[in-house]
Amino acid sequence: MKPPDHPITRTLDLMADDRSLQKLEAVTKALGSETRIEILRFLSAHTSTVLEIAEALGLPQSTATLHISILEKAGLIETNLRPATRGLQKVCARVYDRIVIQLPAEFEPEDTMVEVSMPLGAYTQTSLVPTCGLAGEVGIIGHLDDPSAFYEPDRIYAQLLWFRRGFIEYRFPNHLPAGVILNDIEVSFEVCSEAPLHHDNWPSDITVWIGGVEIGTWTSPADFGGERGALTPAWWDSQNSQYGLLKVWKVTHSGSFVDGVQVSGVTLKDLPQKPGEPIPVRIGIRDDAQNIGGINLFGSKFGNYPQDIVLRQRYQRGPKNQI
């Protein structure tokens, strides 16, 4: 073992990340003692035996041995056994003159989310069968039971829309960053069946498609009324539909779910999603549904929940070299 008397500064570079966490913990623990700092200072000029270190610092030899063992496990000193008058003796040398800890360059959480909230009236395509209509905060938009009313300029202000059968489609911007791994994609909105006025027993099979792929169907039990929705405008007749249920469709690597209950085997790999391209989301009633009970969709200022049509994508960072 060469004594540390050469002028070259020896540096230990540590990165504060998962790969070197064990090494970092060992080094910081070793440096967290005044006695061990004194041992490293004493070894800066020469190599020494354990006994010499103990005598120089006024320590019991057993205590010096314990501290040297911690420094050795952290890689901050090296030891070697040499012949002595009686057996062998341990000789210690300091390995580094400087320690540099590099913190991560950017924060990369394990699971991150992007979210887009789409106004109820910002749909891009419809195919509807009456009864149907739109309502805003202050009144009806266009004519009732007229599918062409869904293309009125004021449709963007819609807070409630309804139809008997067919679909309505939204195109969401894809804000997923490049080079990440998508964990799941979900769509949530407030919804219920559509009955004349309202009806407590009016099932309707409501289906969601993402990118043209059918995700799954949830059966709404009723067209909810009888009490006013928390956000429903005062002008809206109390006999009409008042509120819906907040439902969440989610697609993962293992299947598709509504409120955590699996509804199909469609997974993320089945979705034709491409980076930078819009994400089509379709909500509707299939022509061959068992329960064709219509649909009411509620916006952020109608019903019970202050939200519009929301799309969320959860992801994690991929490998640094992933394109």
C-alpha atoms as a PDB file:
ATOM      1  CA  MET A   1       0.000   0.000   0.000  1.00  0.00           C
ATOM      2  CA  LYS A   2       1.518   3.326  -1.084  1.00  0.00           C
ATOM      3  CA  PRO A   3       1.380   6.151   1.464  1.00  0.00           C
ATOM      4  CA  PRO A   4      -0.839   9.058   0.366  1.00  0.00           C
ATOM      5  CA  ASP A   5       2.010  11.506  -0.070  1.00  0.00           C
ATOM      6  CA  HIS A   6       1.678  12.285  -3.779  1.00  0.00           C
ATOM      7  CA  PRO A   7       0.280  15.716  -4.788  1.00  0.00           C
ATOM      8  CA  ILE A   8      -2.611  14.343  -6.905  1.00  0.00           C
ATOM      9  CA  THR A   9      -6.039  15.103  -5.437  1.00  0.00           C
ATOM     10  CA  ARG A  10      -8.098  11.911  -5.330  1.00  0.00           C
ATOM     11  CA  THR A  11     -11.813  12.543  -5.688  1.00  0.00           C
ATOM     12  CA  LEU A  12     -14.810  10.316  -4.966  1.00  0.00           C
ATOM     13  CA  ASP A  13     -17.727  11.262  -7.244  1.00  0.00           C
ATOM     14  CA  LEU A  14     -21.151  10.134  -6.072  1.00  0.00           C
ATOM     15  CA  MET A  15     -24.488  10.516  -7.870  1.00  0.00           C
ATOM     16  CA  ALA A  16     -27.511  10.876  -5.574  1.00  0.00           C
ATOM     17  CA  ASP A  17     -29.752   8.415  -7.429  1.00  0.00           C
ATOM     18  CA  ASP A  18     -31.210   4.966  -6.884  1.00  0.00           C
ATOM     19  CA  ARG A  19     -28.252   3.139  -8.403  1.00  0.00           C
ATOM     20  CA  SER A  20     -25.698   4.532  -5.949  1.00  0.00           C
ATOM     21  CA  LEU A  21     -27.975   5.060  -2.956  1.00  0.00           C
ATOM     22  CA  GLN A  22     -26.372   2.296  -0.866  1.00  0.00           C
ATOM     23  CA  LYS A  23     -22.886   3.701  -1.439  1.00  0.00           C
ATOM     24  CA  LEU A  24     -24.076   7.227  -0.701  1.00  0.00           C
ATOM     25  CA  GLU A  25     -25.689   6.135   2.572  1.00  0.00           C
ATOM     26  CA  ALA A  26     -22.509   4.340   3.673  1.00  0.00           C
ATOM     27  CA  VAL A  27     -20.335   7.381   2.918  1.00  0.00           C
ATOM     28  CA  THR A  28     -22.621   9.930   4.605  1.00  0.00           C
ATOM     29  CA  LYS A  29     -22.953   7.678   7.645  1.00  0.00           C
ATOM     30  CA  ALA A  30     -19.168   7.339   7.853  1.00  0.00           C
ATOM     31  CA  LEU A  31     -18.762  11.133   7.686  1.00  0.00           C
ATOM     32  CA  GLY A  32     -21.437  11.707  10.329  1.00  0.00           C
ATOM     33  CA  SER A  33     -18.995  11.335  13.242  1.00  0.00           C
ATOM     34  CA  GLU A  34     -16.478  13.828  14.584  1.00  0.00           C
ATOM     35  CA  THR A  35     -14.186  10.980  15.635  1.00  0.00           C
ATOM     36  CA  ARG A  36     -14.137   9.480  12.130  1.00  0.00           C
ATOM     37  CA  ILE A  37     -13.476  12.914  10.623  1.00  0.00           C
ATOM     38  CA  GLU A  38     -10.454  13.207  12.972  1.00  0.00           C
ATOM     39  CA  ILE A  39      -9.222   9.797  11.852  1.00  0.00           C
ATOM     40  CA  LEU A  40      -9.429  10.873   8.190  1.00  0.00           C
ATOM     41  CA  ARG A  41      -7.623  14.115   9.035  1.00  0.00           C
ATOM     42  CA  PHE A  42      -4.877  12.173  10.861  1.00  0.00           C
ATOM     43  CA  LEU A  43      -4.441   9.854   7.855  1.00  0.00           C
ATOM     44  CA  SER A  44      -4.122  12.751   5.381  1.00  0.00           C
ATOM     45  CA  ALA A  45      -0.332  12.864   5.784  1.00  0.00           C
ATOM     46  CA  HIS A  46       0.687   9.227   6.347  1.00  0.00           C
ATOM     47  CA  THR A  47      -0.379   5.660   6.854  1.00  0.00           C
ATOM     48  CA  SER A  48      -0.753   4.460  10.429  1.00  0.00           C
ATOM     49  CA  THR A  49      -1.564   1.375  12.404  1.00  0.00           C
ATOM     50  CA  VAL A  50      -4.736   1.093  14.440  1.00  0.00           C
ATOM     51  CA  LEU A  51      -2.687   1.410  17.622  1.00  0.00           C
ATOM     52  CA  GLU A  52      -0.977   4.588  16.372  1.00  0.00           C
ATOM     53  CA  ILE A  53      -4.335   6.124  15.502  1.00  0.00           C
ATOM     54  CA  ALA A  54      -5.782   5.227  18.904  1.00  0.00           C
ATOM     55  CA  GLU A  55      -2.799   6.714  20.772  1.00  0.00           C
ATOM     56  CA  ALA A  56      -2.711   9.885  18.648  1.00  0.00           C
ATOM     57  CA  LEU A  57      -6.418  10.598  19.176  1.00  0.00           C
ATOM     58  CA  GLY A  58      -6.619   9.397  22.758  1.00  0.00           C
ATOM     59  CA  LEU A  59      -9.039   6.575  21.967  1.00  0.00           C
ATOM     60  CA  PRO A  60      -9.336   3.061  23.337  1.00  0.00           C
ATOM     61  CA  GLN A  61      -8.030   0.672  20.716  1.00  0.00           C
ATOM     62  CA  SER A  62     -11.403  -1.082  20.545  1.00  0.00           C
ATOM     63  CA  THR A  63     -13.137   2.234  19.779  1.00  0.00           C
ATOM     64  CA  ALA A  64     -10.590   3.098  17.105  1.00  0.00           C
ATOM     65  CA  THR A  65     -11.080  -0.346  15.542  1.00  0.00           C
ATOM     66  CA  LEU A  66     -14.864   0.167  15.369  1.00  0.00           C
ATOM     67  CA  HIS A  67     -14.577   3.568  13.657  1.00  0.00           C
ATOM     68  CA  ILE A  68     -11.956   2.296  11.215  1.00  0.00           C
ATOM     69  CA  SER A  69     -14.233  -0.595  10.273  1.00  0.00           C
ATOM     70  CA  ILE A  70     -17.049   1.848   9.365  1.00  0.00           C
ATOM     71  CA  LEU A  71     -14.685   3.990   7.271  1.00  0.00           C
ATOM     72  CA  GLU A  72     -13.345   0.903   5.530  1.00  0.00           C
ATOM     73  CA  LYS A  73     -16.844  -0.385   4.657  1.00  0.00           C
ATOM     74  CA  ALA A  74     -17.624   3.038   3.154  1.00  0.00           C
ATOM     75  CA  GLY A  75     -14.481   2.797   1.003  1.00  0.00           C
ATOM     76  CA  LEU A  76     -12.940   5.922   2.553  1.00  0.00           C
ATOM     77  CA  ILE A  77      -9.857   4.122   3.914  1.00  0.00           C
ATOM     78  CA  GLU A  78      -7.943   1.007   2.928  1.00  0.00           C
ATOM     79  CA  THR A  79      -6.324  -1.400   5.365  1.00  0.00           C
ATOM     80  CA  ASN A  80      -3.556  -3.918   4.961  1.00  0.00           C
ATOM     81  CA  LEU A  81      -2.022  -6.492   7.327  1.00  0.00           C
ATOM     82  CA  ARG A  82       1.728  -6.333   7.896  1.00  0.00           C
ATOM     83  CA  PRO A  83       4.056  -8.476   9.987  1.00  0.00           C
ATOM     84  CA  ALA A  84       4.752  -7.153  13.458  1.00  0.00           C
ATOM     85  CA  THR A  85       6.788  -8.273  16.465  1.00  0.00           C
ATOM     86  CA  ARG A  86       3.782 -10.251  17.630  1.00  0.00           C
ATOM     87  CA  GLY A  87       1.740 -11.514  14.702  1.00  0.00           C
ATOM     88  CA  LEU A  88       0.149  -9.052  12.247  1.00  0.00           C
ATOM     89  CA  GLN A  89      -0.917  -5.434  12.558  1.00  0.00           C
ATOM     90  CA  LYS A  90      -3.494  -3.507  10.539  1.00  0.00           C
ATOM     91  CA  VAL A  91      -2.148  -0.487   8.648  1.00  0.00           C
ATOM     92  CA  CYS A  92      -4.632   2.161   7.463  1.00  0.00           C
ATOM     93  CA  ALA A  93      -4.446   4.652   4.579  1.00  0.00           C
ATOM     94  CA  ARG A  94      -6.902   7.327   3.443  1.00  0.00           C
ATOM     95  CA  VAL A  95      -8.208   6.751  -0.090  1.00  0.00           C
ATOM     96  CA  TYR A  96      -9.752  10.112  -1.082  1.00  0.00           C
ATOM     97  CA  ASP A  97      -8.956  13.764  -0.543  1.00  0.00           C
ATOM     98  CA  ARG A  98     -12.279  15.083  -1.781  1.00  0.00           C
ATOM     99  CA  ILE A  99     -15.858  13.813  -2.039  1.00  0.00           C
ATOM    100  CA  VAL A 100     -18.289  15.291  -4.580  1.00  0.00           C
ATOM    101  CA  ILE A 101     -22.015  14.435  -4.407  1.00  0.00           C
ATOM    102  CA  GLN A 102     -23.918  15.256  -7.580  1.00  0.00           C
ATOM    103  CA  LEU A 103     -27.652  15.802  -7.123  1.00  0.00           C
ATOM    104  CA  PRO A 104     -30.130  14.683  -9.842  1.00  0.00           C
ATOM    105  CA  ALA A 105     -30.372  17.109 -12.750  1.00  0.00           C
ATOM    106  CA  GLU A 106     -34.158  16.958 -12.922  1.00  0.00           C
ATOM    107  CA  PHE A 107     -37.079  15.673 -10.916  1.00  0.00           C
ATOM    108  CA  GLU A 108     -38.506  12.528 -12.456  1.00  0.00           C
ATOM    109  CA  PRO A 109     -41.386  11.135 -10.378  1.00  0.00           C
ATOM    110  CA  GLU A 110     -42.236   7.467 -10.815  1.00  0.00           C
ATOM    111  CA  ASP A 111     -45.780   8.239 -11.883  1.00  0.00           C
ATOM    112  CA  THR A 112     -46.823  11.568 -13.450  1.00  0.00           C
ATOM    113  CA  MET A 113     -50.101  12.715 -14.969  1.00  0.00           C
ATOM    114  CA  VAL A 114     -51.247  15.043 -17.731  1.00  0.00           C
ATOM    115  CA  GLU A 115     -54.875  16.168 -17.735  1.00  0.00           C
ATOM    116  CA  VAL A 116     -57.101  17.902 -20.280  1.00  0.00           C
ATOM    117  CA  SER A 117     -60.576  19.204 -19.477  1.00  0.00           C
ATOM    118  CA  MET A 118     -62.808  19.493 -22.536  1.00  0.00           C
ATOM    119  CA  PRO A 119     -65.901  21.775 -22.482  1.00  0.00           C
ATOM    120  CA  LEU A 120     -69.096  19.818 -22.985  1.00  0.00           C
ATOM    121  CA  GLY A 121     -69.936  21.701 -26.202  1.00  0.00           C
ATOM    122  CA  ALA A 122     -66.494  21.273 -27.797  1.00  0.00           C
ATOM    123  CA  TYR A 123     -67.342  18.001 -29.532  1.00  0.00           C
ATOM    124  CA  THR A 124     -66.171  17.443 -33.090  1.00  0.00           C
ATOM    125  CA  GLN A 125     -68.608  14.849 -34.413  1.00  0.00           C
ATOM    126  CA  THR A 126     -72.141  13.644 -33.668  1.00  0.00           C
ATOM    127  CA  SER A 127     -74.558  11.003 -34.906  1.00  0.00           C
ATOM    128  CA  LEU A 128     -77.728  11.325 -32.848  1.00  0.00           C
ATOM    129  CA  VAL A 129     -81.278  10.016 -32.737  1.00  0.00           C
ATOM    130  CA  PRO A 130     -83.940  12.142 -30.979  1.00  0.00           C
ATOM    131  CA  THR A 131     -85.049  12.851 -28.416  1.00  0.00           C
ATOM    132  CA  CYS A 132     -82.094  15.218 -28.192  1.00  0.00           C
ATOM    133  CA  GLY A 133     -81.148  18.738 -27.190  1.00  0.00           C
ATOM    134  CA  LEU A 134     -78.694  21.138 -25.564  1.00  0.00           C
ATOM    135  CA  ALA A 135     -78.995  23.535 -22.644  1.00  0.00           C
ATOM    136  CA  GLY A 136     -76.680  26.250 -21.375  1.00  0.00           C
ATOM    137  CA  GLU A 137     -76.571  28.259 -18.183  1.00  0.00           C
ATOM    138  CA  VAL A 138     -79.364  30.567 -19.319  1.00  0.00           C
ATOM    139  CA  GLY A 139     -81.581  28.541 -21.640  1.00  0.00           C
ATOM    140  CA  ILE A 140     -82.085  26.000 -24.423  1.00  0.00           C
ATOM    141  CA  ILE A 141     -79.639  26.123 -27.346  1.00  0.00           C
ATOM    142  CA  GLY A 142     -81.284  25.723 -30.768  1.00  0.00           C
ATOM    143  CA  HIS A 143     -84.403  23.611 -31.227  1.00  0.00           C
ATOM    144  CA  LEU A 144     -85.340  20.567 -29.200  1.00  0.00           C
ATOM    145  CA  ASP A 145     -85.268  17.134 -30.854  1.00  0.00           C
ATOM    146  CA  ASP A 146     -83.378  18.529 -33.834  1.00  0.00           C
ATOM    147  CA  PRO A 147     -79.909  16.928 -34.360  1.00  0.00           C
ATOM    148  CA  SER A 148     -78.848  19.926 -36.450  1.00  0.00           C
ATOM    149  CA  ALA A 149     -79.059  22.076 -33.300  1.00  0.00           C
ATOM    150  CA  PHE A 150     -75.882  20.330 -32.149  1.00  0.00           C
ATOM    151  CA  TYR A 151     -74.001  22.431 -34.726  1.00  0.00           C
ATOM    152  CA  GLU A 152     -75.325  25.808 -33.598  1.00  0.00           C
ATOM    153  CA  PRO A 153     -72.468  28.269 -32.905  1.00  0.00           C
ATOM    154  CA  ASP A 154     -73.660  28.601 -29.304  1.00  0.00           C
ATOM    155  CA  ARG A 155     -73.178  24.863 -28.717  1.00  0.00           C
ATOM    156  CA  ILE A 156     -69.786  25.704 -27.214  1.00  0.00           C
ATOM    157  CA  TYR A 157     -71.693  27.112 -24.204  1.00  0.00           C
ATOM    158  CA  ALA A 158     -73.624  23.878 -23.596  1.00  0.00           C
ATOM    159  CA  GLN A 159     -73.739  22.619 -20.013  1.00  0.00           C
ATOM    160  CA  LEU A 160     -76.193  19.760 -20.614  1.00  0.00           C
ATOM    161  CA  LEU A 161     -76.791  17.644 -23.702  1.00  0.00           C
ATOM    162  CA  TRP A 162     -78.954  14.596 -24.252  1.00  0.00           C
ATOM    163  CA  PHE A 163     -79.911  12.122 -26.944  1.00  0.00           C
ATOM    164  CA  ARG A 164     -81.756   8.831 -27.302  1.00  0.00           C
ATOM    165  CA  ARG A 165     -79.235   6.818 -29.331  1.00  0.00           C
ATOM    166  CA  GLY A 166     -76.030   7.391 -31.280  1.00  0.00           C
ATOM    167  CA  PHE A 167     -72.810   9.054 -30.149  1.00  0.00           C
ATOM    168  CA  ILE A 168     -70.945  12.270 -29.565  1.00  0.00           C
ATOM    169  CA  GLU A 169     -67.166  12.499 -30.083  1.00  0.00           C
ATOM    170  CA  TYR A 170     -64.432  14.735 -28.672  1.00  0.00           C
ATOM    171  CA  ARG A 171     -60.844  15.043 -29.900  1.00  0.00           C
ATOM    172  CA  PHE A 172     -58.401  15.670 -27.067  1.00  0.00           C
ATOM    173  CA  PRO A 173     -54.909  17.094 -27.624  1.00  0.00           C
ATOM    174  CA  ASN A 174     -52.228  14.555 -26.738  1.00  0.00           C
ATOM    175  CA  HIS A 175     -50.002  16.230 -24.127  1.00  0.00           C
ATOM    176  CA  LEU A 176     -48.035  13.073 -23.314  1.00  0.00           C
ATOM    177  CA  PRO A 177     -44.286  13.954 -23.267  1.00  0.00           C
ATOM    178  CA  ALA A 178     -41.985  12.192 -25.702  1.00  0.00           C
ATOM    179  CA  GLY A 179     -40.037   9.168 -24.548  1.00  0.00           C
ATOM    180  CA  VAL A 180     -42.259   8.174 -21.624  1.00  0.00           C
ATOM    181  CA  ILE A 181     -44.077   4.957 -20.722  1.00  0.00           C
ATOM    182  CA  LEU A 182     -47.865   5.297 -20.578  1.00  0.00           C
ATOM    183  CA  ASN A 183     -49.334   3.545 -17.514  1.00  0.00           C
ATOM    184  CA  ASP A 184     -53.029   4.241 -18.071  1.00  0.00           C
ATOM    185  CA  ILE A 185     -55.503   6.538 -19.763  1.00  0.00           C
ATOM    186  CA  GLU A 186     -58.868   7.483 -18.285  1.00  0.00           C
ATOM    187  CA  VAL A 187     -61.935   9.479 -19.226  1.00  0.00           C
ATOM    188  CA  SER A 188     -64.379  10.825 -16.636  1.00  0.00           C
ATOM    189  CA  PHE A 189     -67.675  12.688 -16.883  1.00  0.00           C
ATOM    190  CA  GLU A 190     -71.044  13.109 -15.161  1.00  0.00           C
ATOM    191  CA  VAL A 191     -73.719  11.042 -16.879  1.00  0.00           C
ATOM    192  CA  CYS A 192     -77.092   9.324 -16.505  1.00  0.00           C
ATOM    193  CA  SER A 193     -79.919   7.844 -18.601  1.00  0.00           C
ATOM    194  CA  GLU A 194     -82.376   9.999 -20.561  1.00  0.00           C
ATOM    195  CA  ALA A 195     -86.087   9.425 -19.843  1.00  0.00           C
ATOM    196  CA  PRO A 196     -89.108  11.655 -20.500  1.00  0.00           C
ATOM    197  CA  LEU A 197     -88.735  14.233 -17.698  1.00  0.00           C
ATOM    198  CA  HIS A 198     -86.952  11.804 -15.355  1.00  0.00           C
ATOM    199  CA  HIS A 199     -87.412   8.208 -14.180  1.00  0.00           C
ATOM    200  CA  ASP A 200     -85.932   6.329 -11.194  1.00  0.00           C
ATOM    201  CA  ASN A 201     -85.911   3.013 -13.074  1.00  0.00           C
ATOM    202  CA  TRP A 202     -84.632   3.685 -16.586  1.00  0.00           C
ATOM    203  CA  PRO A 203     -81.529   1.592 -17.437  1.00  0.00           C
ATOM    204  CA  SER A 204     -79.287   2.623 -20.300  1.00  0.00           C
ATOM    205  CA  ASP A 205     -76.109   0.979 -21.628  1.00  0.00           C
ATOM    206  CA  ILE A 206     -73.551   3.768 -22.035  1.00  0.00           C
ATOM    207  CA  THR A 207     -70.404   2.921 -23.998  1.00  0.00           C
ATOM    208  CA  VAL A 208     -67.043   4.688 -24.404  1.00  0.00           C
ATOM    209  CA  TRP A 209     -64.610   4.363 -27.330  1.00  0.00           C
ATOM    210  CA  ILE A 210     -61.014   5.679 -27.404  1.00  0.00           C
ATOM    211  CA  GLY A 211     -59.360   5.986 -30.792  1.00  0.00           C
ATOM    212  CA  GLY A 212     -62.229   4.080 -32.341  1.00  0.00           C
ATOM    213  CA  VAL A 213     -61.717   1.119 -29.998  1.00  0.00           C
ATOM    214  CA  GLU A 214     -64.655   0.170 -27.801  1.00  0.00           C
ATOM    215  CA  ILE A 215     -63.464   0.275 -24.187  1.00  0.00           C
ATOM    216  CA  GLY A 216     -66.505  -0.953 -22.336  1.00  0.00           C
ATOM    217  CA  THR A 217     -70.092  -0.342 -21.306  1.00  0.00           C
ATOM    218  CA  TRP A 218     -71.662   0.770 -18.045  1.00  0.00           C
ATOM    219  CA  THR A 219     -75.403   0.513 -17.404  1.00  0.00           C
ATOM    220  CA  SER A 220     -76.879   3.663 -15.888  1.00  0.00           C
ATOM    221  CA  PRO A 221     -79.753   2.696 -13.573  1.00  0.00           C
ATOM    222  CA  ALA A 222     -81.849   5.839 -13.927  1.00  0.00           C
ATOM    223  CA  ASP A 223     -82.465   9.351 -15.117  1.00  0.00           C
ATOM    224  CA  PHE A 224     -81.955  11.150 -11.836  1.00  0.00           C
ATOM    225  CA  GLY A 225     -84.421  13.792 -10.656  1.00  0.00           C
ATOM    226  CA  GLY A 226     -86.723  14.519  -7.746  1.00  0.00           C
ATOM    227  CA  GLU A 227     -84.185  16.878  -6.187  1.00  0.00           C
ATOM    228  CA  ARG A 228     -82.237  19.671  -7.802  1.00  0.00           C
ATOM    229  CA  GLY A 229     -78.672  19.171  -8.786  1.00  0.00           C
ATOM    230  CA  ALA A 230     -76.174  21.210  -6.769  1.00  0.00           C
ATOM    231  CA  LEU A 231     -75.148  23.160  -9.897  1.00  0.00           C
ATOM    232  CA  THR A 232     -78.336  22.959 -11.954  1.00  0.00           C
ATOM    233  CA  PRO A 233     -79.496  26.470 -13.002  1.00  0.00           C
ATOM    234  CA  ALA A 234     -82.683  27.814 -11.427  1.00  0.00           C
ATOM    235  CA  TRP A 235     -84.394  28.256 -14.821  1.00  0.00           C
ATOM    236  CA  TRP A 236     -84.286  24.486 -15.520  1.00  0.00           C
ATOM    237  CA  ASP A 237     -87.639  22.828 -14.707  1.00  0.00           C
ATOM    238  CA  SER A 238     -87.438  20.692 -11.580  1.00  0.00           C
ATOM    239  CA  GLN A 239     -89.346  17.866 -13.349  1.00  0.00           C
ATOM    240  CA  ASN A 240     -86.472  17.374 -15.786  1.00  0.00           C
ATOM    241  CA  SER A 241     -83.185  15.489 -15.362  1.00  0.00           C
ATOM    242  CA  GLN A 242     -81.218  17.098 -12.555  1.00  0.00           C
ATOM    243  CA  TYR A 243     -77.870  15.356 -12.161  1.00  0.00           C
ATOM    244  CA  GLY A 244     -75.864  12.268 -13.022  1.00  0.00           C
ATOM    245  CA  LEU A 245     -73.159  10.061 -11.568  1.00  0.00           C
ATOM    246  CA  LEU A 246     -69.453  10.786 -11.997  1.00  0.00           C
ATOM    247  CA  LYS A 247     -68.059   7.780 -13.852  1.00  0.00           C
ATOM    248  CA  VAL A 248     -64.456   6.925 -14.765  1.00  0.00           C
ATOM    249  CA  TRP A 249     -63.474   4.699 -17.707  1.00  0.00           C
ATOM    250  CA  LYS A 250     -59.822   3.588 -17.476  1.00  0.00           C
ATOM    251  CA  VAL A 251     -57.569   1.574 -19.805  1.00  0.00           C
ATOM    252  CA  THR A 252     -54.421  -0.040 -18.367  1.00  0.00           C
ATOM    253  CA  HIS A 253     -51.896  -2.688 -19.388  1.00  0.00           C
ATOM    254  CA  SER A 254     -54.175  -5.363 -17.906  1.00  0.00           C
ATOM    255  CA  GLY A 255     -57.618  -4.334 -19.185  1.00  0.00           C
ATOM    256  CA  SER A 256     -60.346  -1.692 -19.157  1.00  0.00           C
ATOM    257  CA  PHE A 257     -62.347  -0.653 -16.115  1.00  0.00           C
ATOM    258  CA  VAL A 258     -65.276   1.489 -15.031  1.00  0.00           C
ATOM    259  CA  ASP A 259     -64.798   2.776 -11.483  1.00  0.00           C
ATOM    260  CA  GLY A 260     -62.286  -0.003 -10.846  1.00  0.00           C
ATOM    261  CA  VAL A 261     -64.522  -2.826 -12.122  1.00  0.00           C
ATOM    262  CA  GLN A 262     -63.200  -4.567 -15.229  1.00  0.00           C
ATOM    263  CA  VAL A 263     -65.543  -4.283 -18.210  1.00  0.00           C
ATOM    264  CA  SER A 264     -63.362  -5.594 -21.048  1.00  0.00           C
ATOM    265  CA  GLY A 265     -59.984  -7.048 -21.959  1.00  0.00           C
ATOM    266  CA  VAL A 266     -58.961  -4.019 -24.043  1.00  0.00           C
ATOM    267  CA  THR A 267     -55.479  -2.846 -22.997  1.00  0.00           C
ATOM    268  CA  LEU A 268     -53.277   0.123 -23.843  1.00  0.00           C
ATOM    269  CA  LYS A 269     -51.555  -1.795 -26.641  1.00  0.00           C
ATOM    270  CA  ASP A 270     -54.944  -2.145 -28.353  1.00  0.00           C
ATOM    271  CA  LEU A 271     -55.341   1.636 -28.682  1.00  0.00           C
ATOM    272  CA  PRO A 272     -54.051   3.146 -31.963  1.00  0.00           C
ATOM    273  CA  GLN A 273     -52.566   6.104 -30.139  1.00  0.00           C
ATOM    274  CA  LYS A 274     -49.644   7.885 -31.804  1.00  0.00           C
ATOM    275  CA  PRO A 275     -47.434  10.627 -30.276  1.00  0.00           C
ATOM    276  CA  GLY A 276     -48.630  14.097 -31.148  1.00  0.00           C
ATOM    277  CA  GLU A 277     -51.925  12.970 -32.682  1.00  0.00           C
ATOM    278  CA  PRO A 278     -55.305  13.896 -31.122  1.00  0.00           C
ATOM    279  CA  ILE A 279     -57.089  11.305 -28.992  1.00  0.00           C
ATOM    280  CA  PRO A 280     -60.682  10.680 -30.168  1.00  0.00           C
ATOM    281  CA  VAL A 281     -63.083   9.901 -27.311  1.00  0.00           C
ATOM    282  CA  ARG A 282     -66.601   8.782 -28.236  1.00  0.00           C
ATOM    283  CA  ILE A 283     -69.514   8.492 -25.783  1.00  0.00           C
ATOM    284  CA  GLY A 284     -72.764   6.926 -26.860  1.00  0.00           C
ATOM    285  CA  ILE A 285     -75.468   4.280 -26.994  1.00  0.00           C
ATOM    286  CA  ARG A 286     -74.933   1.382 -29.378  1.00  0.00           C
ATOM    287  CA  ASP A 287     -77.732   0.587 -31.848  1.00  0.00           C
ATOM    288  CA  ASP A 288     -77.731  -3.011 -30.598  1.00  0.00           C
ATOM    289  CA  ALA A 289     -77.527  -2.164 -26.867  1.00  0.00           C
ATOM    290  CA  GLN A 290     -79.733  -4.238 -24.597  1.00  0.00           C
ATOM    291  CA  ASN A 291     -80.893  -1.110 -22.760  1.00  0.00           C
ATOM    292  CA  ILE A 292     -81.395   1.849 -25.084  1.00  0.00           C
ATOM    293  CA  GLY A 293     -82.310   4.368 -22.440  1.00  0.00           C
ATOM    294  CA  GLY A 294     -80.589   7.442 -23.814  1.00  0.00           C
ATOM    295  CA  ILE A 295     -77.904   9.600 -22.262  1.00  0.00           C
ATOM    296  CA  ASN A 296     -77.565  12.898 -20.363  1.00  0.00           C
ATOM    297  CA  LEU A 297     -74.104  14.469 -20.242  1.00  0.00           C
ATOM    298  CA  PHE A 298     -73.469  17.240 -17.711  1.00  0.00           C
ATOM    299  CA  GLY A 299     -70.960  20.077 -17.862  1.00  0.00           C
ATOM    300  CA  SER A 300     -69.140  21.887 -15.076  1.00  0.00           C
ATOM    301  CA  LYS A 301     -72.118  24.195 -14.337  1.00  0.00           C
ATOM    302  CA  PHE A 302     -74.937  21.666 -14.440  1.00  0.00           C
ATOM    303  CA  GLY A 303     -75.679  18.645 -12.232  1.00  0.00           C
ATOM    304  CA  ASN A 304     -73.646  17.772  -9.138  1.00  0.00           C
ATOM    305  CA  TYR A 305     -69.992  17.774 -10.243  1.00  0.00           C
ATOM    306  CA  PRO A 306     -68.087  20.906 -11.324  1.00  0.00           C
ATOM    307  CA  GLN A 307     -66.173  19.269 -14.177  1.00  0.00           C
ATOM    308  CA  ASP A 308     -66.476  18.813 -17.921  1.00  0.00           C
ATOM    309  CA  ILE A 309     -65.213  15.821 -19.958  1.00  0.00           C
ATOM    310  CA  VAL A 310     -61.780  15.064 -18.495  1.00  0.00           C
ATOM    311  CA  LEU A 311     -59.032  12.918 -20.012  1.00  0.00           C
ATOM    312  CA  ARG A 312     -56.036  11.902 -17.907  1.00  0.00           C
ATOM    313  CA  GLN A 313     -52.867  10.059 -18.898  1.00  0.00           C
ATOM    314  CA  ARG A 314     -50.553   8.673 -16.232  1.00  0.00           C
ATOM    315  CA  TYR A 315     -46.998   7.860 -17.261  1.00  0.00           C
ATOM    316  CA  GLN A 316     -43.502   7.241 -16.024  1.00  0.00           C
ATOM    317  CA  ARG A 317     -40.155   8.228 -17.420  1.00  0.00           C
ATOM    318  CA  GLY A 318     -38.582   5.714 -19.731  1.00  0.00           C
ATOM    319  CA  PRO A 319     -34.866   4.879 -20.131  1.00  0.00           C
ATOM    320  CA  LYS A 320     -32.670   7.862 -20.898  1.00  0.00           C
ATOM    321  CA  ASN A 321     -31.917   6.516 -24.386  1.00  0.00           C
ATOM    322  CA  GLN A 322     -35.572   5.835 -25.235  1.00  0.00           C
ATOM    323  CA  ILE A 323     -36.882   7.751 -28.251  1.00  0.00           C
END
